[in-house]
Amino acid sequence: MGVLYLVVPLALVVVGIAVWAFVWATNRGQFDDLETPALRMLHDDDERRPPGPDAG
């Protein structure tokens, strides 16, 4: 029973840190664009590559 006096406040501190981290990330715009990173891999990157040795 005595261990609850240690575990409950420690759990509250961990939850408080997690909530603070979520609010901080939300305010910094981490969750603004959720679709573009998933679609970025579908874009063709050939036009941005520098010419190679056989591009004559």
N, C-alpha and C. Protein backbone atom coordinates (compact mmCIF):
# COMPACT_ATOMS: atom_id res chain seq x y z
N MET A 1 0.82 -1.20 0.00
CA MET A 1 0.00 0.00 0.00
C MET A 1 0.86 1.26 0.00
N GLY A 2 2.00 1.18 0.65
CA GLY A 2 2.88 2.34 0.72
C GLY A 2 3.51 2.70 -0.61
N VAL A 3 3.60 1.71 -1.50
CA VAL A 3 4.20 1.98 -2.80
C VAL A 3 3.29 2.87 -3.66
N LEU A 4 2.01 2.89 -3.37
CA LEU A 4 1.08 3.75 -4.11
C LEU A 4 1.41 5.22 -3.91
N TYR A 5 1.95 5.58 -2.75
CA TYR A 5 2.33 6.98 -2.50
C TYR A 5 3.50 7.41 -3.38
N LEU A 6 4.22 6.46 -3.92
CA LEU A 6 5.31 6.76 -4.83
C LEU A 6 4.87 6.63 -6.30
N VAL A 7 4.10 5.61 -6.61
CA VAL A 7 3.76 5.32 -8.00
C VAL A 7 2.72 6.30 -8.56
N VAL A 8 1.74 6.66 -7.80
CA VAL A 8 0.69 7.56 -8.30
C VAL A 8 1.24 8.94 -8.64
N PRO A 9 2.01 9.60 -7.78
CA PRO A 9 2.58 10.90 -8.19
C PRO A 9 3.55 10.77 -9.36
N LEU A 10 4.31 9.69 -9.41
CA LEU A 10 5.22 9.48 -10.52
C LEU A 10 4.45 9.31 -11.83
N ALA A 11 3.35 8.59 -11.81
CA ALA A 11 2.52 8.41 -12.99
C ALA A 11 1.91 9.74 -13.41
N LEU A 12 1.48 10.55 -12.47
CA LEU A 12 0.93 11.86 -12.79
C LEU A 12 1.97 12.77 -13.44
N VAL A 13 3.20 12.68 -12.98
CA VAL A 13 4.27 13.48 -13.58
C VAL A 13 4.53 13.02 -15.01
N VAL A 14 4.55 11.72 -15.24
CA VAL A 14 4.78 11.20 -16.59
C VAL A 14 3.64 11.61 -17.53
N VAL A 15 2.40 11.52 -17.06
CA VAL A 15 1.26 11.94 -17.88
C VAL A 15 1.33 13.44 -18.15
N GLY A 16 1.71 14.21 -17.16
CA GLY A 16 1.85 15.66 -17.35
C GLY A 16 2.90 15.99 -18.40
N ILE A 17 4.01 15.28 -18.38
CA ILE A 17 5.06 15.50 -19.39
C ILE A 17 4.55 15.13 -20.77
N ALA A 18 3.81 14.03 -20.88
CA ALA A 18 3.27 13.61 -22.18
C ALA A 18 2.26 14.63 -22.71
N VAL A 19 1.42 15.16 -21.85
CA VAL A 19 0.44 16.17 -22.28
C VAL A 19 1.16 17.44 -22.71
N TRP A 20 2.17 17.84 -21.95
CA TRP A 20 2.95 19.03 -22.31
C TRP A 20 3.64 18.83 -23.66
N ALA A 21 4.21 17.67 -23.91
CA ALA A 21 4.88 17.40 -25.18
C ALA A 21 3.90 17.44 -26.34
N PHE A 22 2.70 16.92 -26.14
CA PHE A 22 1.69 16.94 -27.19
C PHE A 22 1.25 18.37 -27.49
N VAL A 23 1.01 19.16 -26.46
CA VAL A 23 0.60 20.55 -26.66
C VAL A 23 1.72 21.34 -27.32
N TRP A 24 2.94 21.11 -26.92
CA TRP A 24 4.09 21.79 -27.52
C TRP A 24 4.20 21.45 -29.01
N ALA A 25 4.07 20.17 -29.35
CA ALA A 25 4.17 19.76 -30.75
C ALA A 25 3.01 20.31 -31.57
N THR A 26 1.83 20.36 -30.99
CA THR A 26 0.68 20.90 -31.70
C THR A 26 0.85 22.39 -31.97
N ASN A 27 1.33 23.13 -31.00
CA ASN A 27 1.55 24.57 -31.18
C ASN A 27 2.67 24.87 -32.17
N ARG A 28 3.62 23.97 -32.33
CA ARG A 28 4.73 24.18 -33.25
C ARG A 28 4.40 23.71 -34.67
N GLY A 29 3.19 23.19 -34.89
CA GLY A 29 2.76 22.83 -36.24
C GLY A 29 3.16 21.44 -36.69
N GLN A 30 3.44 20.54 -35.78
CA GLN A 30 3.87 19.21 -36.16
C GLN A 30 2.75 18.38 -36.80
N PHE A 31 1.52 18.73 -36.55
CA PHE A 31 0.40 17.94 -37.05
C PHE A 31 -0.42 18.71 -38.09
N ASP A 32 0.15 19.74 -38.69
CA ASP A 32 -0.59 20.57 -39.64
C ASP A 32 -0.83 19.85 -40.97
N ASP A 33 0.16 19.17 -41.50
CA ASP A 33 0.04 18.53 -42.81
C ASP A 33 0.31 17.04 -42.65
N LEU A 34 -0.73 16.25 -42.65
CA LEU A 34 -0.58 14.81 -42.46
C LEU A 34 -0.59 14.03 -43.77
N GLU A 35 -0.94 14.67 -44.88
CA GLU A 35 -1.05 13.94 -46.15
C GLU A 35 0.20 14.06 -47.02
N THR A 36 0.85 15.19 -47.04
CA THR A 36 1.97 15.40 -47.94
C THR A 36 3.13 14.42 -47.70
N PRO A 37 3.56 14.15 -46.47
CA PRO A 37 4.66 13.21 -46.31
C PRO A 37 4.36 11.82 -46.88
N ALA A 38 3.12 11.39 -46.81
CA ALA A 38 2.77 10.07 -47.35
C ALA A 38 2.76 10.08 -48.87
N LEU A 39 2.47 11.22 -49.48
CA LEU A 39 2.40 11.32 -50.93
C LEU A 39 3.73 11.73 -51.57
N ARG A 40 4.66 12.18 -50.78
CA ARG A 40 5.93 12.67 -51.31
C ARG A 40 6.70 11.58 -52.06
N MET A 41 6.57 10.34 -51.63
CA MET A 41 7.31 9.26 -52.27
C MET A 41 6.78 8.96 -53.68
N LEU A 42 5.60 9.44 -54.01
CA LEU A 42 5.03 9.18 -55.32
C LEU A 42 5.50 10.15 -56.39
N HIS A 43 6.11 11.26 -55.99
CA HIS A 43 6.58 12.26 -56.95
C HIS A 43 7.86 11.78 -57.63
N ASP A 44 7.98 12.10 -58.90
CA ASP A 44 9.15 11.70 -59.67
C ASP A 44 10.26 12.70 -59.43
N ASP A 45 11.44 12.22 -59.05
CA ASP A 45 12.57 13.09 -58.73
C ASP A 45 13.57 13.21 -59.86
N ASP A 46 13.29 12.68 -61.05
CA ASP A 46 14.28 12.65 -62.12
C ASP A 46 14.71 14.04 -62.56
N GLU A 47 13.82 15.02 -62.57
CA GLU A 47 14.18 16.34 -63.06
C GLU A 47 15.11 17.09 -62.11
N ARG A 48 15.25 16.67 -60.87
CA ARG A 48 16.10 17.35 -59.92
C ARG A 48 17.49 16.74 -59.82
N ARG A 49 17.72 15.60 -60.43
CA ARG A 49 19.04 14.96 -60.34
C ARG A 49 20.05 15.70 -61.23
N PRO A 50 21.26 15.85 -60.73
CA PRO A 50 22.28 16.47 -61.58
C PRO A 50 22.65 15.52 -62.73
N PRO A 51 23.08 16.06 -63.85
CA PRO A 51 23.43 15.18 -64.98
C PRO A 51 24.61 14.28 -64.62
N GLY A 52 24.51 13.04 -65.03
CA GLY A 52 25.56 12.07 -64.77
C GLY A 52 26.64 12.11 -65.83
N PRO A 53 27.61 11.20 -65.78
CA PRO A 53 28.72 11.21 -66.75
C PRO A 53 28.27 10.87 -68.17
N ASP A 54 27.17 10.11 -68.34
CA ASP A 54 26.72 9.76 -69.68
C ASP A 54 25.66 10.73 -70.21
N ALA A 55 25.47 11.87 -69.57
CA ALA A 55 24.45 12.83 -70.02
C ALA A 55 25.05 13.85 -70.98
N GLY A 56 25.89 13.46 -71.83
CA GLY A 56 26.57 14.18 -72.75
C GLY A 56 26.61 15.36 -73.41
